Amino acid sequence: MQYLLSVLHDRLDLAPSDEMAAIDVFNDRLQADGHWVFAGGLGFPDTATIVDNRDGKPVLTDGPYVESKEYLAGFWVIEAADLDKALELATAGSKACNRRVEVRPFL
């Protein structure tokens, strides 16, 4: 089963070099153990654009879809046998990136 591990952040700064090194080690482990599907960091919230075309006339709005202290800073898509394994991996990911991580299964 695949899971989305969302990295939550509350400051507008990039990870320092020691955190980036720990993230690289975690990424290497995910790949070596066959859990890696895809991962990426995201631009800051002020780089977001919301597109709403529900009424057939697109409306584009600058900024994040929700005003919040926290934002989605990055993510991993992983393959895990079950939720327990996904939570174990998210725990290691949270330690590596020094941020909170939300775990959600793909439907």
PDB file of N, CA and C in Angstrom:
ATOM      1  N   MET A   1       0.840  -1.166   0.000  1.00  0.00           N
ATOM      2  CA  MET A   1       0.000   0.000   0.000  1.00  0.00           C
ATOM      3  C   MET A   1       0.893   1.239   0.000  1.00  0.00           C
ATOM      4  N   GLN A   2       0.431   2.290  -0.665  1.00  0.00           N
ATOM      5  CA  GLN A   2       1.205   3.525  -0.704  1.00  0.00           C
ATOM      6  C   GLN A   2       0.654   4.534   0.298  1.00  0.00           C
ATOM      7  N   TYR A   3       1.577   5.307   0.868  1.00  0.00           N
ATOM      8  CA  TYR A   3       1.245   6.326   1.857  1.00  0.00           C
ATOM      9  C   TYR A   3       1.912   7.633   1.475  1.00  0.00           C
ATOM     10  N   LEU A   4       1.240   8.733   1.809  1.00  0.00           N
ATOM     11  CA  LEU A   4       1.812  10.058   1.666  1.00  0.00           C
ATOM     12  C   LEU A   4       2.299  10.507   3.033  1.00  0.00           C
ATOM     13  N   LEU A   5       3.580  10.825   3.126  1.00  0.00           N
ATOM     14  CA  LEU A   5       4.157  11.389   4.344  1.00  0.00           C
ATOM     15  C   LEU A   5       4.369  12.873   4.068  1.00  0.00           C
ATOM     16  N   SER A   6       3.540  13.720   4.657  1.00  0.00           N
ATOM     17  CA  SER A   6       3.591  15.161   4.431  1.00  0.00           C
ATOM     18  C   SER A   6       4.436  15.823   5.511  1.00  0.00           C
ATOM     19  N   VAL A   7       5.407  16.605   5.093  1.00  0.00           N
ATOM     20  CA  VAL A   7       6.289  17.310   6.021  1.00  0.00           C
ATOM     21  C   VAL A   7       5.681  18.683   6.310  1.00  0.00           C
ATOM     22  N   LEU A   8       5.377  18.937   7.580  1.00  0.00           N
ATOM     23  CA  LEU A   8       4.755  20.186   7.999  1.00  0.00           C
ATOM     24  C   LEU A   8       5.808  21.104   8.612  1.00  0.00           C
ATOM     25  N   HIS A   9       5.766  22.366   8.223  1.00  0.00           N
ATOM     26  CA  HIS A   9       6.751  23.322   8.705  1.00  0.00           C
ATOM     27  C   HIS A   9       6.039  24.608   9.102  1.00  0.00           C
ATOM     28  N   ASP A  10       6.628  25.375  10.003  1.00  0.00           N
ATOM     29  CA  ASP A  10       5.986  26.599  10.464  1.00  0.00           C
ATOM     30  C   ASP A  10       6.881  27.831  10.387  1.00  0.00           C
ATOM     31  N   ARG A  11       8.008  27.706   9.684  1.00  0.00           N
ATOM     32  CA  ARG A  11       8.901  28.850   9.486  1.00  0.00           C
ATOM     33  C   ARG A  11       9.275  28.924   8.008  1.00  0.00           C
ATOM     34  N   LEU A  12       9.574  30.116   7.545  1.00  0.00           N
ATOM     35  CA  LEU A  12       9.973  30.280   6.150  1.00  0.00           C
ATOM     36  C   LEU A  12      11.489  30.246   6.044  1.00  0.00           C
ATOM     37  N   ASP A  13      12.031  29.044   6.244  1.00  0.00           N
ATOM     38  CA  ASP A  13      13.467  28.856   6.087  1.00  0.00           C
ATOM     39  C   ASP A  13      13.707  27.456   5.540  1.00  0.00           C
ATOM     40  N   LEU A  14      14.844  27.298   4.918  1.00  0.00           N
ATOM     41  CA  LEU A  14      15.223  25.998   4.395  1.00  0.00           C
ATOM     42  C   LEU A  14      15.942  25.202   5.476  1.00  0.00           C
ATOM     43  N   ALA A  15      15.965  23.899   5.306  1.00  0.00           N
ATOM     44  CA  ALA A  15      16.651  23.037   6.271  1.00  0.00           C
ATOM     45  C   ALA A  15      18.150  23.355   6.254  1.00  0.00           C
ATOM     46  N   PRO A  16      18.764  23.439   7.436  1.00  0.00           N
ATOM     47  CA  PRO A  16      20.217  23.626   7.474  1.00  0.00           C
ATOM     48  C   PRO A  16      20.933  22.381   6.952  1.00  0.00           C
ATOM     49  N   SER A  17      22.214  22.507   6.708  1.00  0.00           N
ATOM     50  CA  SER A  17      22.978  21.437   6.065  1.00  0.00           C
ATOM     51  C   SER A  17      22.955  20.129   6.860  1.00  0.00           C
ATOM     52  N   ASP A  18      22.945  20.185   8.189  1.00  0.00           N
ATOM     53  CA  ASP A  18      22.921  18.935   8.958  1.00  0.00           C
ATOM     54  C   ASP A  18      21.580  18.207   8.791  1.00  0.00           C
ATOM     55  N   GLU A  19      20.471  18.950   8.697  1.00  0.00           N
ATOM     56  CA  GLU A  19      19.177  18.331   8.449  1.00  0.00           C
ATOM     57  C   GLU A  19      19.113  17.774   7.031  1.00  0.00           C
ATOM     58  N   MET A  20      19.642  18.507   6.069  1.00  0.00           N
ATOM     59  CA  MET A  20      19.652  18.008   4.679  1.00  0.00           C
ATOM     60  C   MET A  20      20.450  16.709   4.591  1.00  0.00           C
ATOM     61  N   ALA A  21      21.546  16.622   5.303  1.00  0.00           N
ATOM     62  CA  ALA A  21      22.342  15.388   5.310  1.00  0.00           C
ATOM     63  C   ALA A  21      21.542  14.243   5.916  1.00  0.00           C
ATOM     64  N   ALA A  22      20.814  14.503   7.008  1.00  0.00           N
ATOM     65  CA  ALA A  22      19.991  13.462   7.639  1.00  0.00           C
ATOM     66  C   ALA A  22      18.856  13.039   6.714  1.00  0.00           C
ATOM     67  N   ILE A  23      18.274  13.981   5.986  1.00  0.00           N
ATOM     68  CA  ILE A  23      17.217  13.658   5.022  1.00  0.00           C
ATOM     69  C   ILE A  23      17.786  12.787   3.910  1.00  0.00           C
ATOM     70  N   ASP A  24      18.975  13.108   3.431  1.00  0.00           N
ATOM     71  CA  ASP A  24      19.614  12.285   2.389  1.00  0.00           C
ATOM     72  C   ASP A  24      19.835  10.858   2.873  1.00  0.00           C
ATOM     73  N   VAL A  25      20.267  10.695   4.105  1.00  0.00           N
ATOM     74  CA  VAL A  25      20.474   9.358   4.674  1.00  0.00           C
ATOM     75  C   VAL A  25      19.139   8.615   4.741  1.00  0.00           C
ATOM     76  N   PHE A  26      18.085   9.305   5.197  1.00  0.00           N
ATOM     77  CA  PHE A  26      16.757   8.700   5.268  1.00  0.00           C
ATOM     78  C   PHE A  26      16.273   8.309   3.870  1.00  0.00           C
ATOM     79  N   ASN A  27      16.447   9.185   2.889  1.00  0.00           N
ATOM     80  CA  ASN A  27      16.050   8.874   1.508  1.00  0.00           C
ATOM     81  C   ASN A  27      16.791   7.644   0.987  1.00  0.00           C
ATOM     82  N   ASP A  28      18.083   7.574   1.262  1.00  0.00           N
ATOM     83  CA  ASP A  28      18.879   6.411   0.835  1.00  0.00           C
ATOM     84  C   ASP A  28      18.349   5.126   1.469  1.00  0.00           C
ATOM     85  N   ARG A  29      17.963   5.210   2.741  1.00  0.00           N
ATOM     86  CA  ARG A  29      17.414   4.041   3.443  1.00  0.00           C
ATOM     87  C   ARG A  29      16.086   3.613   2.823  1.00  0.00           C
ATOM     88  N   LEU A  30      15.211   4.584   2.538  1.00  0.00           N
ATOM     89  CA  LEU A  30      13.940   4.253   1.893  1.00  0.00           C
ATOM     90  C   LEU A  30      14.175   3.527   0.568  1.00  0.00           C
ATOM     91  N   GLN A  31      15.123   4.015  -0.214  1.00  0.00           N
ATOM     92  CA  GLN A  31      15.415   3.406  -1.507  1.00  0.00           C
ATOM     93  C   GLN A  31      16.001   2.010  -1.335  1.00  0.00           C
ATOM     94  N   ALA A  32      16.960   1.864  -0.440  1.00  0.00           N
ATOM     95  CA  ALA A  32      17.621   0.574  -0.234  1.00  0.00           C
ATOM     96  C   ALA A  32      16.648  -0.485   0.279  1.00  0.00           C
ATOM     97  N   ASP A  33      15.679  -0.058   1.101  1.00  0.00           N
ATOM     98  CA  ASP A  33      14.732  -1.009   1.688  1.00  0.00           C
ATOM     99  C   ASP A  33      13.470  -1.213   0.846  1.00  0.00           C
ATOM    100  N   GLY A  34      13.409  -0.591  -0.332  1.00  0.00           N
ATOM    101  CA  GLY A  34      12.289  -0.796  -1.241  1.00  0.00           C
ATOM    102  C   GLY A  34      11.017  -0.030  -0.886  1.00  0.00           C
ATOM    103  N   HIS A  35      11.120   1.014  -0.063  1.00  0.00           N
ATOM    104  CA  HIS A  35       9.943   1.793   0.318  1.00  0.00           C
ATOM    105  C   HIS A  35       9.769   3.048  -0.533  1.00  0.00           C
ATOM    106  N   TRP A  36      10.805   3.453  -1.239  1.00  0.00           N
ATOM    107  CA  TRP A  36      10.810   4.704  -1.995  1.00  0.00           C
ATOM    108  C   TRP A  36       9.882   4.616  -3.192  1.00  0.00           C
ATOM    109  N   VAL A  37       9.006   5.597  -3.354  1.00  0.00           N
ATOM    110  CA  VAL A  37       8.234   5.773  -4.576  1.00  0.00           C
ATOM    111  C   VAL A  37       8.605   7.114  -5.194  1.00  0.00           C
ATOM    112  N   PHE A  38       8.484   8.179  -4.390  1.00  0.00           N
ATOM    113  CA  PHE A  38       8.761   9.519  -4.892  1.00  0.00           C
ATOM    114  C   PHE A  38       8.834  10.468  -3.705  1.00  0.00           C
ATOM    115  N   ALA A  39       9.600  11.545  -3.834  1.00  0.00           N
ATOM    116  CA  ALA A  39       9.667  12.548  -2.774  1.00  0.00           C
ATOM    117  C   ALA A  39      10.029  13.889  -3.385  1.00  0.00           C
ATOM    118  N   GLY A  40       9.742  14.950  -2.647  1.00  0.00           N
ATOM    119  CA  GLY A  40      10.118  16.268  -3.127  1.00  0.00           C
ATOM    120  C   GLY A  40       9.871  17.336  -2.091  1.00  0.00           C
ATOM    121  N   GLY A  41      10.620  18.399  -2.217  1.00  0.00           N
ATOM    122  CA  GLY A  41      10.386  19.593  -1.418  1.00  0.00           C
ATOM    123  C   GLY A  41       9.509  20.541  -2.227  1.00  0.00           C
ATOM    124  N   LEU A  42       8.805  21.408  -1.544  1.00  0.00           N
ATOM    125  CA  LEU A  42       7.900  22.344  -2.204  1.00  0.00           C
ATOM    126  C   LEU A  42       8.323  23.777  -1.945  1.00  0.00           C
ATOM    127  N   GLY A  43       7.941  24.662  -2.868  1.00  0.00           N
ATOM    128  CA  GLY A  43       8.211  26.087  -2.688  1.00  0.00           C
ATOM    129  C   GLY A  43       7.434  26.626  -1.497  1.00  0.00           C
ATOM    130  N   PHE A  44       7.839  27.791  -1.041  1.00  0.00           N
ATOM    131  CA  PHE A  44       7.163  28.428   0.084  1.00  0.00           C
ATOM    132  C   PHE A  44       5.730  28.784  -0.287  1.00  0.00           C
ATOM    133  N   PRO A  45       4.858  28.947   0.704  1.00  0.00           N
ATOM    134  CA  PRO A  45       3.444  29.209   0.428  1.00  0.00           C
ATOM    135  C   PRO A  45       3.193  30.404  -0.481  1.00  0.00           C
ATOM    136  N   ASP A  46       4.032  31.426  -0.419  1.00  0.00           N
ATOM    137  CA  ASP A  46       3.786  32.608  -1.253  1.00  0.00           C
ATOM    138  C   ASP A  46       4.051  32.352  -2.735  1.00  0.00           C
ATOM    139  N   THR A  47       4.556  31.168  -3.079  1.00  0.00           N
ATOM    140  CA  THR A  47       4.749  30.813  -4.490  1.00  0.00           C
ATOM    141  C   THR A  47       3.557  30.052  -5.052  1.00  0.00           C
ATOM    142  N   ALA A  48       2.555  29.769  -4.220  1.00  0.00           N
ATOM    143  CA  ALA A  48       1.402  28.981  -4.638  1.00  0.00           C
ATOM    144  C   ALA A  48       0.398  29.810  -5.429  1.00  0.00           C
ATOM    145  N   THR A  49      -0.323  29.152  -6.312  1.00  0.00           N
ATOM    146  CA  THR A  49      -1.459  29.732  -7.014  1.00  0.00           C
ATOM    147  C   THR A  49      -2.613  28.752  -6.924  1.00  0.00           C
ATOM    148  N   ILE A  50      -3.763  29.244  -6.531  1.00  0.00           N
ATOM    149  CA  ILE A  50      -4.968  28.424  -6.443  1.00  0.00           C
ATOM    150  C   ILE A  50      -5.759  28.616  -7.729  1.00  0.00           C
ATOM    151  N   VAL A  51      -6.181  27.525  -8.360  1.00  0.00           N
ATOM    152  CA  VAL A  51      -7.002  27.557  -9.565  1.00  0.00           C
ATOM    153  C   VAL A  51      -8.368  26.991  -9.208  1.00  0.00           C
ATOM    154  N   ASP A  52      -9.414  27.771  -9.445  1.00  0.00           N
ATOM    155  CA  ASP A  52     -10.792  27.328  -9.174  1.00  0.00           C
ATOM    156  C   ASP A  52     -11.596  27.454 -10.456  1.00  0.00           C
ATOM    157  N   ASN A  53     -11.878  26.319 -11.071  1.00  0.00           N
ATOM    158  CA  ASN A  53     -12.644  26.295 -12.320  1.00  0.00           C
ATOM    159  C   ASN A  53     -13.943  25.517 -12.135  1.00  0.00           C
ATOM    160  N   ARG A  54     -14.490  25.545 -10.927  1.00  0.00           N
ATOM    161  CA  ARG A  54     -15.718  24.791 -10.647  1.00  0.00           C
ATOM    162  C   ARG A  54     -16.917  25.336 -11.391  1.00  0.00           C
ATOM    163  N   ASP A  55     -16.944  26.624 -11.695  1.00  0.00           N
ATOM    164  CA  ASP A  55     -18.095  27.218 -12.366  1.00  0.00           C
ATOM    165  C   ASP A  55     -17.856  27.437 -13.854  1.00  0.00           C
ATOM    166  N   GLY A  56     -16.794  26.850 -14.396  1.00  0.00           N
ATOM    167  CA  GLY A  56     -16.518  26.982 -15.817  1.00  0.00           C
ATOM    168  C   GLY A  56     -15.814  28.269 -16.198  1.00  0.00           C
ATOM    169  N   LYS A  57     -15.537  29.126 -15.233  1.00  0.00           N
ATOM    170  CA  LYS A  57     -14.784  30.354 -15.479  1.00  0.00           C
ATOM    171  C   LYS A  57     -13.625  30.355 -14.493  1.00  0.00           C
ATOM    172  N   PRO A  58     -12.401  30.040 -14.954  1.00  0.00           N
ATOM    173  CA  PRO A  58     -11.285  29.890 -14.026  1.00  0.00           C
ATOM    174  C   PRO A  58     -10.963  31.177 -13.270  1.00  0.00           C
ATOM    175  N   VAL A  59     -10.753  31.001 -11.974  1.00  0.00           N
ATOM    176  CA  VAL A  59     -10.317  32.088 -11.101  1.00  0.00           C
ATOM    177  C   VAL A  59      -8.983  31.666 -10.508  1.00  0.00           C
ATOM    178  N   LEU A  60      -7.969  32.504 -10.683  1.00  0.00           N
ATOM    179  CA  LEU A  60      -6.645  32.227 -10.139  1.00  0.00           C
ATOM    180  C   LEU A  60      -6.374  33.182  -8.989  1.00  0.00           C
ATOM    181  N   THR A  61      -5.929  32.621  -7.877  1.00  0.00           N
ATOM    182  CA  THR A  61      -5.655  33.405  -6.677  1.00  0.00           C
ATOM    183  C   THR A  61      -4.256  33.086  -6.192  1.00  0.00           C
ATOM    184  N   ASP A  62      -3.482  34.126  -5.904  1.00  0.00           N
ATOM    185  CA  ASP A  62      -2.135  33.928  -5.371  1.00  0.00           C
ATOM    186  C   ASP A  62      -2.201  33.471  -3.924  1.00  0.00           C
ATOM    187  N   GLY A  63      -1.241  32.649  -3.542  1.00  0.00           N
ATOM    188  CA  GLY A  63      -1.089  32.250  -2.149  1.00  0.00           C
ATOM    189  C   GLY A  63      -1.653  30.880  -1.854  1.00  0.00           C
ATOM    190  N   PRO A  64      -1.423  30.402  -0.644  1.00  0.00           N
ATOM    191  CA  PRO A  64      -1.848  29.060  -0.260  1.00  0.00           C
ATOM    192  C   PRO A  64      -3.370  28.964  -0.163  1.00  0.00           C
ATOM    193  N   TYR A  65      -3.875  27.750  -0.245  1.00  0.00           N
ATOM    194  CA  TYR A  65      -5.324  27.552  -0.198  1.00  0.00           C
ATOM    195  C   TYR A  65      -5.889  27.766   1.191  1.00  0.00           C
ATOM    196  N   VAL A  66      -5.053  27.728   2.211  1.00  0.00           N
ATOM    197  CA  VAL A  66      -5.484  27.974   3.581  1.00  0.00           C
ATOM    198  C   VAL A  66      -4.450  28.880   4.242  1.00  0.00           C
ATOM    199  N   GLU A  67      -4.917  29.914   4.897  1.00  0.00           N
ATOM    200  CA  GLU A  67      -4.016  30.750   5.679  1.00  0.00           C
ATOM    201  C   GLU A  67      -3.752  30.031   6.999  1.00  0.00           C
ATOM    202  N   SER A  68      -2.501  29.731   7.253  1.00  0.00           N
ATOM    203  CA  SER A  68      -2.158  28.943   8.420  1.00  0.00           C
ATOM    204  C   SER A  68      -0.722  29.227   8.826  1.00  0.00           C
ATOM    205  N   LYS A  69      -0.414  28.935  10.083  1.00  0.00           N
ATOM    206  CA  LYS A  69       0.962  29.035  10.545  1.00  0.00           C
ATOM    207  C   LYS A  69       1.825  27.951   9.917  1.00  0.00           C
ATOM    208  N   GLU A  70       1.244  26.777   9.729  1.00  0.00           N
ATOM    209  CA  GLU A  70       1.978  25.656   9.151  1.00  0.00           C
ATOM    210  C   GLU A  70       1.651  25.521   7.666  1.00  0.00           C
ATOM    211  N   TYR A  71       2.566  24.920   6.951  1.00  0.00           N
ATOM    212  CA  TYR A  71       2.355  24.664   5.534  1.00  0.00           C
ATOM    213  C   TYR A  71       3.052  23.370   5.153  1.00  0.00           C
ATOM    214  N   LEU A  72       2.694  22.853   3.995  1.00  0.00           N
ATOM    215  CA  LEU A  72       3.292  21.635   3.471  1.00  0.00           C
ATOM    216  C   LEU A  72       4.629  21.998   2.831  1.00  0.00           C
ATOM    217  N   ALA A  73       5.724  21.570   3.467  1.00  0.00           N
ATOM    218  CA  ALA A  73       7.067  21.926   3.014  1.00  0.00           C
ATOM    219  C   ALA A  73       7.648  20.897   2.048  1.00  0.00           C
ATOM    220  N   GLY A  74       7.176  19.665   2.136  1.00  0.00           N
ATOM    221  CA  GLY A  74       7.678  18.602   1.282  1.00  0.00           C
ATOM    222  C   GLY A  74       6.915  17.330   1.582  1.00  0.00           C
ATOM    223  N   PHE A  75       7.313  16.267   0.903  1.00  0.00           N
ATOM    224  CA  PHE A  75       6.576  15.020   1.069  1.00  0.00           C
ATOM    225  C   PHE A  75       7.399  13.831   0.601  1.00  0.00           C
ATOM    226  N   TRP A  76       6.997  12.673   1.062  1.00  0.00           N
ATOM    227  CA  TRP A  76       7.460  11.392   0.541  1.00  0.00           C
ATOM    228  C   TRP A  76       6.226  10.598   0.152  1.00  0.00           C
ATOM    229  N   VAL A  77       6.288   9.884  -0.935  1.00  0.00           N
ATOM    230  CA  VAL A  77       5.312   8.847  -1.255  1.00  0.00           C
ATOM    231  C   VAL A  77       6.069   7.543  -1.068  1.00  0.00           C
ATOM    232  N   ILE A  78       5.562   6.710  -0.163  1.00  0.00           N
ATOM    233  CA  ILE A  78       6.268   5.475   0.165  1.00  0.00           C
ATOM    234  C   ILE A  78       5.385   4.262  -0.085  1.00  0.00           C
ATOM    235  N   GLU A  79       6.016   3.131  -0.163  1.00  0.00           N
ATOM    236  CA  GLU A  79       5.349   1.828  -0.227  1.00  0.00           C
ATOM    237  C   GLU A  79       5.615   1.148   1.109  1.00  0.00           C
ATOM    238  N   ALA A  80       4.542   0.732   1.783  1.00  0.00           N
ATOM    239  CA  ALA A  80       4.690   0.050   3.070  1.00  0.00           C
ATOM    240  C   ALA A  80       3.642  -1.051   3.163  1.00  0.00           C
ATOM    241  N   ALA A  81       3.987  -2.126   3.825  1.00  0.00           N
ATOM    242  CA  ALA A  81       3.079  -3.269   3.934  1.00  0.00           C
ATOM    243  C   ALA A  81       1.801  -2.912   4.681  1.00  0.00           C
ATOM    244  N   ASP A  82       1.912  -2.003   5.651  1.00  0.00           N
ATOM    245  CA  ASP A  82       0.740  -1.658   6.455  1.00  0.00           C
ATOM    246  C   ASP A  82       0.980  -0.328   7.152  1.00  0.00           C
ATOM    247  N   LEU A  83      -0.044   0.147   7.864  1.00  0.00           N
ATOM    248  CA  LEU A  83       0.054   1.427   8.548  1.00  0.00           C
ATOM    249  C   LEU A  83       1.153   1.436   9.598  1.00  0.00           C
ATOM    250  N   ASP A  84       1.334   0.332  10.298  1.00  0.00           N
ATOM    251  CA  ASP A  84       2.387   0.286  11.316  1.00  0.00           C
ATOM    252  C   ASP A  84       3.757   0.567  10.712  1.00  0.00           C
ATOM    253  N   LYS A  85       4.027  -0.028   9.559  1.00  0.00           N
ATOM    254  CA  LYS A  85       5.315   0.203   8.899  1.00  0.00           C
ATOM    255  C   LYS A  85       5.410   1.642   8.408  1.00  0.00           C
ATOM    256  N   ALA A  86       4.307   2.178   7.869  1.00  0.00           N
ATOM    257  CA  ALA A  86       4.298   3.564   7.409  1.00  0.00           C
ATOM    258  C   ALA A  86       4.577   4.520   8.575  1.00  0.00           C
ATOM    259  N   LEU A  87       3.991   4.237   9.729  1.00  0.00           N
ATOM    260  CA  LEU A  87       4.215   5.077  10.906  1.00  0.00           C
ATOM    261  C   LEU A  87       5.664   4.972  11.396  1.00  0.00           C
ATOM    262  N   GLU A  88       6.224   3.776  11.312  1.00  0.00           N
ATOM    263  CA  GLU A  88       7.636   3.593  11.678  1.00  0.00           C
ATOM    264  C   GLU A  88       8.532   4.432  10.772  1.00  0.00           C
ATOM    265  N   LEU A  89       8.256   4.395   9.474  1.00  0.00           N
ATOM    266  CA  LEU A  89       9.054   5.170   8.524  1.00  0.00           C
ATOM    267  C   LEU A  89       8.834   6.668   8.716  1.00  0.00           C
ATOM    268  N   ALA A  90       7.604   7.080   8.985  1.00  0.00           N
ATOM    269  CA  ALA A  90       7.313   8.493   9.223  1.00  0.00           C
ATOM    270  C   ALA A  90       8.029   8.995  10.471  1.00  0.00           C
ATOM    271  N   THR A  91       8.129   8.144  11.476  1.00  0.00           N
ATOM    272  CA  THR A  91       8.844   8.503  12.700  1.00  0.00           C
ATOM    273  C   THR A  91      10.313   8.782  12.386  1.00  0.00           C
ATOM    274  N   ALA A  92      10.915   7.943  11.571  1.00  0.00           N
ATOM    275  CA  ALA A  92      12.312   8.150  11.170  1.00  0.00           C
ATOM    276  C   ALA A  92      12.437   9.390  10.286  1.00  0.00           C
ATOM    277  N   GLY A  93      11.466   9.609   9.407  1.00  0.00           N
ATOM    278  CA  GLY A  93      11.484  10.794   8.554  1.00  0.00           C
ATOM    279  C   GLY A  93      11.349  12.070   9.354  1.00  0.00           C
ATOM    280  N   SER A  94      10.481  12.067  10.357  1.00  0.00           N
ATOM    281  CA  SER A  94      10.300  13.226  11.216  1.00  0.00           C
ATOM    282  C   SER A  94      11.595  13.565  11.946  1.00  0.00           C
ATOM    283  N   LYS A  95      12.276  12.543  12.410  1.00  0.00           N
ATOM    284  CA  LYS A  95      13.563  12.742  13.090  1.00  0.00           C
ATOM    285  C   LYS A  95      14.585  13.335  12.114  1.00  0.00           C
ATOM    286  N   ALA A  96      14.619  12.784  10.890  1.00  0.00           N
ATOM    287  CA  ALA A  96      15.610  13.216   9.904  1.00  0.00           C
ATOM    288  C   ALA A  96      15.403  14.681   9.495  1.00  0.00           C
ATOM    289  N   CYS A  97      14.160  15.074   9.262  1.00  0.00           N
ATOM    290  CA  CYS A  97      13.923  16.434   8.782  1.00  0.00           C
ATOM    291  C   CYS A  97      13.613  17.420   9.911  1.00  0.00           C
ATOM    292  N   ASN A  98      13.487  16.909  11.134  1.00  0.00           N
ATOM    293  CA  ASN A  98      13.243  17.749  12.309  1.00  0.00           C
ATOM    294  C   ASN A  98      11.950  18.547  12.180  1.00  0.00           C
ATOM    295  N   ARG A  99      10.922  17.880  11.634  1.00  0.00           N
ATOM    296  CA  ARG A  99       9.624  18.493  11.461  1.00  0.00           C
ATOM    297  C   ARG A  99       8.537  17.451  11.705  1.00  0.00           C
ATOM    298  N   ARG A 100       7.305  17.929  11.919  1.00  0.00           N
ATOM    299  CA  ARG A 100       6.190  16.993  12.057  1.00  0.00           C
ATOM    300  C   ARG A 100       5.863  16.398  10.699  1.00  0.00           C
ATOM    301  N   VAL A 101       5.377  15.145  10.708  1.00  0.00           N
ATOM    302  CA  VAL A 101       5.030  14.456   9.474  1.00  0.00           C
ATOM    303  C   VAL A 101       3.633  13.861   9.627  1.00  0.00           C
ATOM    304  N   GLU A 102       2.772  14.156   8.666  1.00  0.00           N
ATOM    305  CA  GLU A 102       1.424  13.569   8.626  1.00  0.00           C
ATOM    306  C   GLU A 102       1.456  12.352   7.712  1.00  0.00           C
ATOM    307  N   VAL A 103       0.793  11.268   8.128  1.00  0.00           N
ATOM    308  CA  VAL A 103       0.745  10.017   7.352  1.00  0.00           C
ATOM    309  C   VAL A 103      -0.688   9.802   6.870  1.00  0.00           C
ATOM    310  N   ARG A 104      -0.837   9.600   5.553  1.00  0.00           N
ATOM    311  CA  ARG A 104      -2.161   9.319   4.996  1.00  0.00           C
ATOM    312  C   ARG A 104      -2.027   8.267   3.904  1.00  0.00           C
ATOM    313  N   PRO A 105      -2.927   7.257   3.916  1.00  0.00           N
ATOM    314  CA  PRO A 105      -2.889   6.256   2.862  1.00  0.00           C
ATOM    315  C   PRO A 105      -3.516   6.782   1.581  1.00  0.00           C
ATOM    316  N   PHE A 106      -3.028   6.290   0.454  1.00  0.00           N
ATOM    317  CA  PHE A 106      -3.691   6.559  -0.826  1.00  0.00           C
ATOM    318  C   PHE A 106      -4.899   5.636  -0.916  1.00  0.00           C
ATOM    319  N   LEU A 107      -5.967   6.103  -1.514  1.00  0.00           N
ATOM    320  CA  LEU A 107      -7.168   5.265  -1.682  1.00  0.00           C
ATOM    321  C   LEU A 107      -7.034   4.395  -2.906  1.00  0.00           C
TER     322      LEU A 107
END
